[in-house]
Amino acid sequence: MSLKIPYNLSVKVADFPESSSGVNQVTLILIDGRKISEVYLARGKEIVEIHNKSISSMRDLGFSLFEIKDVISEV
């Protein structure tokens, strides 16, 4: 299962610097105001790690992809 952030936010991430090759480190802002830091996005769109924990399913997230309102670069 692909855990892609909303398309409009992946377009924003495309302008962020990479933390390593093909990876962006960001903070996600959720619609309820929560901030999820240390989120790693592969190719600027797919959530692969949060707080050094691999993410492979929606269960691993603890929130819905539809709750993501904004992204901020951590680099």
Protein backbone atom coordinates (compact mmCIF):
# COMPACT_ATOMS: atom_id res chain seq x y z
CA MET A 1 0.00 0.00 0.00
CA SER A 2 1.27 3.41 -0.94
CA LEU A 3 1.16 6.04 1.79
CA LYS A 4 1.29 9.18 -0.34
CA ILE A 5 0.64 12.64 1.03
CA PRO A 6 -1.96 14.74 -0.83
CA TYR A 7 -0.83 15.75 -4.33
CA ASN A 8 -0.90 19.52 -3.66
CA LEU A 9 1.51 19.00 -0.75
CA SER A 10 3.86 16.78 -2.74
CA VAL A 11 4.13 19.64 -5.25
CA LYS A 12 5.17 21.91 -2.34
CA VAL A 13 7.70 19.33 -1.09
CA ALA A 14 9.29 19.22 -4.57
CA ASP A 15 10.77 22.66 -3.77
CA PHE A 16 12.24 21.51 -0.42
CA PRO A 17 15.91 20.49 -0.08
CA GLU A 18 16.58 16.77 0.31
CA SER A 19 17.88 15.44 3.63
CA SER A 20 19.50 12.57 1.71
CA SER A 21 19.30 11.29 -1.84
CA GLY A 22 15.62 11.17 -2.85
CA VAL A 23 14.37 11.76 0.70
CA ASN A 24 12.80 14.83 2.32
CA GLN A 25 12.55 15.30 6.09
CA VAL A 26 9.39 17.21 7.01
CA THR A 27 6.92 18.04 9.73
CA LEU A 28 3.30 17.24 8.89
CA ILE A 29 0.61 19.63 10.09
CA LEU A 30 -2.73 17.89 10.65
CA ILE A 31 -6.17 19.50 10.45
CA ASP A 32 -6.59 19.21 14.24
CA GLY A 33 -3.36 21.20 14.78
CA ARG A 34 -1.09 18.29 15.67
CA LYS A 35 2.44 18.45 14.31
CA ILE A 36 4.16 15.21 13.38
CA SER A 37 7.92 15.80 13.10
CA GLU A 38 10.75 13.67 11.76
CA VAL A 39 8.67 12.38 8.85
CA TYR A 40 10.68 11.03 5.92
CA LEU A 41 9.18 11.15 2.44
CA ALA A 42 10.54 9.10 -0.45
CA ARG A 43 10.52 11.00 -3.74
CA GLY A 44 8.76 13.88 -1.97
CA LYS A 45 5.45 12.10 -1.62
CA GLU A 46 5.46 8.72 0.12
CA ILE A 47 5.73 8.42 3.91
CA VAL A 48 8.37 5.79 4.66
CA GLU A 49 9.49 6.63 8.20
CA ILE A 50 8.35 8.62 11.25
CA HIS A 51 10.59 9.09 14.29
CA ASN A 52 12.99 6.38 13.06
CA LYS A 53 10.13 3.86 12.74
CA SER A 54 9.47 2.29 9.33
CA ILE A 55 5.97 2.90 8.03
CA SER A 56 4.42 0.24 5.83
CA SER A 57 0.66 0.50 6.45
CA MET A 58 -2.04 2.96 7.52
CA ARG A 59 -2.03 1.29 10.96
CA ASP A 60 1.57 2.43 11.45
CA LEU A 61 0.62 6.10 10.96
CA GLY A 62 -1.75 6.83 13.84
CA PHE A 63 -3.62 9.34 11.65
CA SER A 64 -5.32 9.41 8.26
CA LEU A 65 -3.62 10.72 5.14
CA PHE A 66 -6.72 12.89 4.65
CA GLU A 67 -5.89 14.71 7.92
CA ILE A 68 -2.66 16.19 6.51
CA LYS A 69 -3.17 19.93 5.99
CA ASP A 70 0.38 21.19 5.39
CA VAL A 71 4.07 20.26 5.36
CA ILE A 72 7.13 22.14 6.59
CA SER A 73 10.70 21.29 5.65
CA GLU A 74 13.02 20.29 8.50
CA VAL A 75 16.17 20.81 6.41
